[in-house]
Amino acid sequence: MTRISLYLMGPLGVLAALWITAGRSLFGAGGSLVPVFAISFGPALAALYLLATYYAWQEVKLQRAGVSAGLPLVTALVQVVGWLLAAVFGLLVPDRVDGVTV
């Protein structure tokens, strides 16, 4: 799990930021918050995930073993919980379409 989490950290982090930003649009609920999230929350979350990915790879490089062991278990679990929370938030965040909250 830790090795898989390491390889998925960057791509799924960016996907989570895109999901929170515009995932509601897939269900016809993309409204006035999509552009707000597109210039604020989405890029900030993507940058944080990519920064975390960079430091995770640096941590793996510093390991003394000849073979990469992946991430520490706690780091991998925090990463997975972050993806799950982003998925839930993207599903539940309300938006306004034509003046009506959806």
Protein backbone atom coordinates (compact mmCIF):
# COMPACT_ATOMS: atom_id res chain seq x y z
CA MET A 1 0.00 0.00 0.00
CA THR A 2 2.78 2.45 0.80
CA ARG A 3 4.51 2.00 -2.55
CA ILE A 4 1.25 2.40 -4.47
CA SER A 5 0.41 5.50 -2.43
CA LEU A 6 3.77 6.98 -3.31
CA TYR A 7 3.22 6.57 -7.05
CA LEU A 8 -0.39 7.79 -6.91
CA MET A 9 0.30 10.74 -4.62
CA GLY A 10 0.83 13.40 -7.30
CA PRO A 11 -1.71 12.34 -9.93
CA LEU A 12 -4.52 11.67 -7.44
CA GLY A 13 -3.72 14.88 -5.58
CA VAL A 14 -4.21 16.91 -8.76
CA LEU A 15 -7.32 14.88 -9.59
CA ALA A 16 -8.71 15.60 -6.10
CA ALA A 17 -8.15 19.33 -6.64
CA LEU A 18 -9.93 19.15 -10.02
CA TRP A 19 -12.78 17.14 -8.50
CA ILE A 20 -13.34 19.69 -5.73
CA THR A 21 -13.09 22.55 -8.21
CA ALA A 22 -15.42 21.30 -10.94
CA GLY A 23 -16.65 17.78 -10.12
CA ARG A 24 -20.16 19.09 -9.49
CA SER A 25 -20.33 20.07 -13.16
CA LEU A 26 -20.45 16.39 -14.12
CA PHE A 27 -23.83 16.18 -12.36
CA GLY A 28 -25.25 19.46 -13.67
CA ALA A 29 -24.55 21.35 -10.44
CA GLY A 30 -21.63 23.46 -11.62
CA GLY A 31 -22.46 27.01 -10.68
CA SER A 32 -20.91 30.17 -9.34
CA LEU A 33 -18.42 28.39 -7.06
CA VAL A 34 -16.60 26.65 -9.91
CA PRO A 35 -14.69 29.78 -11.03
CA VAL A 36 -14.08 30.78 -7.40
CA PHE A 37 -12.57 27.37 -6.61
CA ALA A 38 -10.69 27.40 -9.93
CA ILE A 39 -8.67 30.46 -8.90
CA SER A 40 -8.39 29.80 -5.18
CA PHE A 41 -8.91 26.41 -3.57
CA GLY A 42 -8.12 24.13 -6.52
CA PRO A 43 -4.65 25.49 -7.36
CA ALA A 44 -3.70 25.76 -3.68
CA LEU A 45 -4.72 22.14 -3.00
CA ALA A 46 -2.93 20.91 -6.12
CA ALA A 47 0.22 22.81 -5.12
CA LEU A 48 0.12 21.31 -1.62
CA TYR A 49 -0.32 17.78 -2.97
CA LEU A 50 2.53 18.27 -5.45
CA LEU A 51 4.78 19.70 -2.72
CA ALA A 52 3.95 16.72 -0.50
CA THR A 53 4.77 14.42 -3.42
CA TYR A 54 8.15 16.08 -3.89
CA TYR A 55 9.05 15.70 -0.21
CA ALA A 56 7.81 12.11 -0.13
CA TRP A 57 10.11 11.22 -3.03
CA GLN A 58 13.01 13.00 -1.30
CA GLU A 59 12.31 10.94 1.82
CA VAL A 60 12.40 7.73 -0.18
CA LYS A 61 15.68 8.76 -1.84
CA LEU A 62 17.25 9.29 1.59
CA GLN A 63 16.48 5.78 2.75
CA ARG A 64 19.64 3.78 3.24
CA ALA A 65 18.23 0.56 1.76
CA GLY A 66 19.04 -0.26 -1.85
CA VAL A 67 15.40 -0.75 -2.76
CA SER A 68 12.73 1.88 -2.24
CA ALA A 69 10.38 0.82 0.52
CA GLY A 70 7.71 3.39 -0.30
CA LEU A 71 6.21 5.79 2.17
CA PRO A 72 6.00 5.34 5.91
CA LEU A 73 2.61 3.81 6.75
CA VAL A 74 1.36 6.92 8.58
CA THR A 75 2.14 9.11 5.56
CA ALA A 76 0.35 6.73 3.22
CA LEU A 77 -2.71 6.58 5.50
CA VAL A 78 -2.89 10.37 5.78
CA GLN A 79 -2.66 10.59 2.00
CA VAL A 80 -5.50 8.10 1.46
CA VAL A 81 -7.68 9.87 4.06
CA GLY A 82 -6.99 13.17 2.27
CA TRP A 83 -8.17 11.70 -1.04
CA LEU A 84 -11.33 10.32 0.59
CA LEU A 85 -12.12 13.63 2.27
CA ALA A 86 -11.60 15.47 -1.03
CA ALA A 87 -13.98 13.04 -2.76
CA VAL A 88 -16.67 13.54 -0.10
CA PHE A 89 -16.21 17.31 -0.08
CA GLY A 90 -16.44 17.43 -3.89
CA LEU A 91 -19.72 15.51 -3.74
CA LEU A 92 -21.30 17.53 -0.94
CA VAL A 93 -20.18 21.13 -1.46
CA PRO A 94 -23.24 23.22 -2.38
CA ASP A 95 -23.25 25.54 -5.35
CA ARG A 96 -25.62 28.10 -6.87
CA VAL A 97 -27.04 27.52 -10.33
CA ASP A 98 -29.37 30.22 -11.68
CA GLY A 99 -29.76 31.67 -8.19
CA VAL A 100 -30.82 28.36 -6.64
CA THR A 101 -28.62 26.44 -4.18
CA VAL A 102 -28.01 22.90 -5.40
